[in-house]
Amino acid sequence: MDHEPNWRLELSPADLDAHYATNGPVAVALLWVEMVLDGRLGDAWASTSSLFRLTLTRHWCWRNRAALHGDGHDPLLLAAALADDGPAHPLWPAFARSQRSLESSSPDGGARWVPAGPPEPVGPDLEVVELLPAEAAARDHHAPPLTLRLRLGPGGWMIDGHGRAPIQPGWPPCR
């Protein structure tokens, strides 16, 4: 009986160098997570794909739809404007505060996240990067990874979502 082949691609040392380079998917994912955790979502917005931006803003607008309607905003239109305008939008501060993690910077200033392994190509221009909390990785603890999907575009790698599944930014944004 033949065994089913393992289709996971093995990366060469040159491939690993490209993936771990300062403009590679692993470095982009690590920088993006650090900016978000540090409360610098505006800085991270530039390396967030337009589709993921829209998904994030739609979720926020849906959760806050009653207050937004009360203030005279159409949540669906506001989500698109926030996604496009980012930090320049008047409601950005409220949106950005809601996205802030309760986790603070590491006390020693060290990295909070490390790659769980090499990136996994999942499409012609898509890679999945899994990150682990640094302290969990140091203790060989089996913590669930933070899985980010990145898309390679003309300007380089961009965060295209979390998890492995493609984004479906519908309205309402509930699954």
Protein backbone atom coordinates (compact mmCIF):
# COMPACT_ATOMS: atom_id res chain seq x y z
CA MET A 1 0.00 0.00 0.00
CA ASP A 2 1.44 3.36 -1.03
CA HIS A 3 1.64 6.12 1.52
CA GLU A 4 0.19 9.48 0.62
CA PRO A 5 3.00 11.91 -0.21
CA ASN A 6 3.75 14.87 2.04
CA TRP A 7 3.04 17.92 -0.13
CA ARG A 8 4.49 20.48 2.28
CA LEU A 9 7.30 22.26 0.49
CA GLU A 10 10.75 22.17 1.98
CA LEU A 11 12.52 25.50 1.73
CA SER A 12 16.14 25.78 0.65
CA PRO A 13 18.61 27.91 2.64
CA ALA A 14 18.27 30.63 -0.03
CA ASP A 15 14.47 30.55 0.36
CA LEU A 16 14.81 30.84 4.13
CA ASP A 17 17.16 33.82 3.74
CA ALA A 18 14.55 35.54 1.54
CA HIS A 19 11.72 34.81 3.97
CA TYR A 20 13.64 36.00 7.04
CA ALA A 21 15.12 39.09 5.34
CA THR A 22 14.10 42.51 6.67
CA ASN A 23 11.51 42.82 3.88
CA GLY A 24 10.44 39.16 3.98
CA PRO A 25 7.12 37.85 5.27
CA VAL A 26 8.39 36.82 8.71
CA ALA A 27 9.97 40.21 9.44
CA VAL A 28 6.87 42.04 8.14
CA ALA A 29 4.59 39.88 10.33
CA LEU A 30 6.75 40.42 13.43
CA LEU A 31 6.93 44.18 12.90
CA TRP A 32 3.17 44.42 12.27
CA VAL A 33 2.32 42.50 15.47
CA GLU A 34 4.71 44.61 17.53
CA MET A 35 3.22 47.85 16.17
CA VAL A 36 -0.33 46.69 16.89
CA LEU A 37 0.54 45.55 20.41
CA ASP A 38 2.35 48.83 21.08
CA GLY A 39 -0.81 50.74 20.15
CA ARG A 40 0.64 52.00 16.85
CA LEU A 41 -2.15 50.74 14.61
CA GLY A 42 -1.76 53.82 12.43
CA ASP A 43 1.81 52.78 11.64
CA ALA A 44 0.72 49.18 11.01
CA TRP A 45 -2.12 50.34 8.72
CA ALA A 46 0.32 50.95 5.86
CA SER A 47 1.34 47.27 5.85
CA THR A 48 -2.26 46.01 6.17
CA SER A 49 -4.02 45.00 2.95
CA SER A 50 -7.07 47.00 1.91
CA LEU A 51 -9.29 43.92 2.26
CA PHE A 52 -8.11 43.23 5.81
CA ARG A 53 -8.52 46.92 6.67
CA LEU A 54 -12.12 46.78 5.47
CA THR A 55 -12.74 43.60 7.45
CA LEU A 56 -11.41 45.17 10.65
CA THR A 57 -13.36 48.40 10.24
CA ARG A 58 -16.57 46.56 9.35
CA HIS A 59 -16.35 44.50 12.51
CA TRP A 60 -15.85 47.64 14.60
CA CYS A 61 -18.70 49.47 12.89
CA TRP A 62 -21.02 46.48 13.31
CA ARG A 63 -20.23 46.19 17.03
CA ASN A 64 -20.86 49.94 17.45
CA ARG A 65 -23.72 50.31 14.95
CA ALA A 66 -26.30 51.59 17.46
CA ALA A 67 -24.05 54.41 18.69
CA LEU A 68 -22.91 55.22 15.14
CA HIS A 69 -26.52 55.40 13.90
CA GLY A 70 -27.35 57.58 16.88
CA ASP A 71 -24.56 59.96 15.86
CA GLY A 72 -25.87 60.09 12.29
CA HIS A 73 -23.35 57.72 10.69
CA ASP A 74 -24.11 54.91 8.27
CA PRO A 75 -21.92 52.08 9.66
CA LEU A 76 -21.31 50.47 6.27
CA LEU A 77 -20.18 53.75 4.67
CA LEU A 78 -18.16 54.64 7.75
CA ALA A 79 -16.32 51.30 7.64
CA ALA A 80 -15.23 51.97 4.05
CA ALA A 81 -14.14 55.51 4.91
CA LEU A 82 -12.15 54.34 7.95
CA ALA A 83 -10.49 51.60 5.90
CA ASP A 84 -9.51 54.10 3.20
CA ASP A 85 -8.58 57.12 5.31
CA GLY A 86 -6.99 55.31 8.24
CA PRO A 87 -5.43 57.66 10.81
CA ALA A 88 -6.66 60.74 8.89
CA HIS A 89 -10.31 59.86 9.61
CA PRO A 90 -11.98 61.79 12.48
CA LEU A 91 -13.19 58.55 14.13
CA TRP A 92 -9.79 56.86 13.89
CA PRO A 93 -8.89 57.41 17.56
CA ALA A 94 -12.02 55.54 18.72
CA PHE A 95 -11.41 52.72 16.26
CA ALA A 96 -7.70 52.43 17.10
CA ARG A 97 -8.38 52.36 20.87
CA SER A 98 -10.78 49.47 20.37
CA GLN A 99 -8.12 47.46 18.51
CA ARG A 100 -5.48 47.89 21.20
CA SER A 101 -4.45 44.73 22.96
CA LEU A 102 -4.48 44.69 26.73
CA GLU A 103 -0.99 43.20 26.56
CA SER A 104 1.72 45.75 27.21
CA SER A 105 5.28 45.91 25.98
CA SER A 106 7.64 43.37 27.42
CA PRO A 107 9.32 44.80 30.52
CA ASP A 108 12.85 44.17 29.24
CA GLY A 109 12.16 45.65 25.81
CA GLY A 110 12.80 42.30 24.16
CA ALA A 111 10.77 40.69 21.43
CA ARG A 112 7.35 39.46 22.48
CA TRP A 113 6.83 37.21 19.45
CA VAL A 114 9.04 34.83 17.53
CA PRO A 115 8.41 32.77 14.38
CA ALA A 116 7.14 29.26 15.08
CA GLY A 117 8.88 28.05 11.92
CA PRO A 118 9.41 29.01 8.32
CA PRO A 119 6.54 30.61 6.42
CA GLU A 120 4.24 28.30 4.52
CA PRO A 121 3.43 29.14 0.91
CA VAL A 122 -0.32 28.71 0.39
CA GLY A 123 -0.73 30.36 -3.00
CA PRO A 124 1.26 32.10 -5.72
CA ASP A 125 1.43 35.33 -3.73
CA LEU A 126 0.28 34.14 -0.29
CA GLU A 127 2.21 32.86 2.70
CA VAL A 128 1.17 31.94 6.21
CA VAL A 129 3.43 32.95 9.09
CA GLU A 130 2.88 31.50 12.54
CA LEU A 131 4.17 33.42 15.55
CA LEU A 132 4.52 32.35 19.18
CA PRO A 133 4.88 34.42 22.33
CA ALA A 134 8.63 34.56 23.01
CA GLU A 135 8.32 33.30 26.59
CA ALA A 136 6.21 30.31 25.50
CA ALA A 137 8.72 29.42 22.78
CA ALA A 138 11.62 29.72 25.24
CA ARG A 139 9.93 27.29 27.64
CA ASP A 140 9.09 24.86 24.83
CA HIS A 141 5.46 25.38 25.77
CA HIS A 142 2.91 24.35 23.18
CA ALA A 143 0.98 27.60 22.99
CA PRO A 144 -1.33 28.08 20.02
CA PRO A 145 0.35 30.25 17.39
CA LEU A 146 -0.86 33.56 16.05
CA THR A 147 -1.41 32.77 12.38
CA LEU A 148 -1.13 35.63 9.91
CA ARG A 149 -1.69 35.45 6.17
CA LEU A 150 0.51 37.71 4.04
CA ARG A 151 0.09 38.72 0.41
CA LEU A 152 2.95 39.79 -1.82
CA GLY A 153 2.08 42.88 -3.82
CA PRO A 154 3.97 45.48 -5.83
CA GLY A 155 5.06 47.25 -2.63
CA GLY A 156 6.12 44.10 -0.78
CA TRP A 157 4.47 41.87 1.80
CA MET A 158 1.23 43.01 3.45
CA ILE A 159 -0.78 41.48 6.27
CA ASP A 160 -3.87 40.07 4.54
CA GLY A 161 -5.65 38.52 7.50
CA HIS A 162 -5.34 36.20 10.43
CA GLY A 163 -5.77 32.49 10.09
CA ARG A 164 -5.53 30.53 6.88
CA ALA A 165 -8.94 31.11 5.33
CA PRO A 166 -9.51 33.90 2.80
CA ILE A 167 -11.28 36.99 4.07
CA GLN A 168 -14.97 37.43 3.32
CA PRO A 169 -15.77 41.03 4.39
CA GLY A 170 -19.54 40.79 4.15
CA TRP A 171 -22.20 42.87 5.83
CA PRO A 172 -23.03 42.15 8.55
CA PRO A 173 -19.52 40.87 9.24
CA CYS A 174 -20.64 37.83 11.22
CA ARG A 175 -19.87 34.24 10.38
